[in-house]
């Protein structure tokens, strides 16, 4: 495990009401200056893939990208990482429907909310839109998941949904699939076709 990975795990344990001493020590030793707060590991995979494609080593820059385990955790993470805790700069992504949780959680911690970038639905939806459903289906085929997708599309619940909605739902039907495709979709975008909010996030770091 990398040092930044150890810091991330220590923060997650602290947020679950564990001790904060290890996180404090690692933050000082690693000179951590920014925390990128994301809902889950698929978002982390996408942000990490985009940073790597552009030659960025976020850990070496003192930037920790970490999953919170859901939007409801924002208040706790903002409290321990923001002004009341480690005093780090906070930024990240959130879904439009869950933005009120972020606004309240950040306000309670005395942290600015301007650094957060809002997805219309979620990050997978943004990536599918950027690539187009046809290209995403090509990637699903290349990853060996075409049969699984075809089986999924035959379900009655998928009738009447757009291709984009179906693909977005498909990525969430198997554990680990969203994480895998978070990286696959970003890598397929190349360096100049990322959704504006991902571009904005990386440029802001």
Foldseek 3Di string as FASTA:
>chain_A
DDLLVVLQVLLLCVLVVDDNPVNLVSCVVQVAAEEAEDADLLQVLLLVLLCVLVVHDQSNVNYRYYHNNHLLSLLSSCQCVPDVHNNHQYAYEDEPVSVVSNVVSNVVNVHDHVRYFYDPGDQLLQLCVLCDLVVVQVLCVVVVNNVVLVVQCPDPVNPPPDSSVSVVVSQPPDPPSSNVVSNVSSVVCHNPRHGPRSVSNVVVD
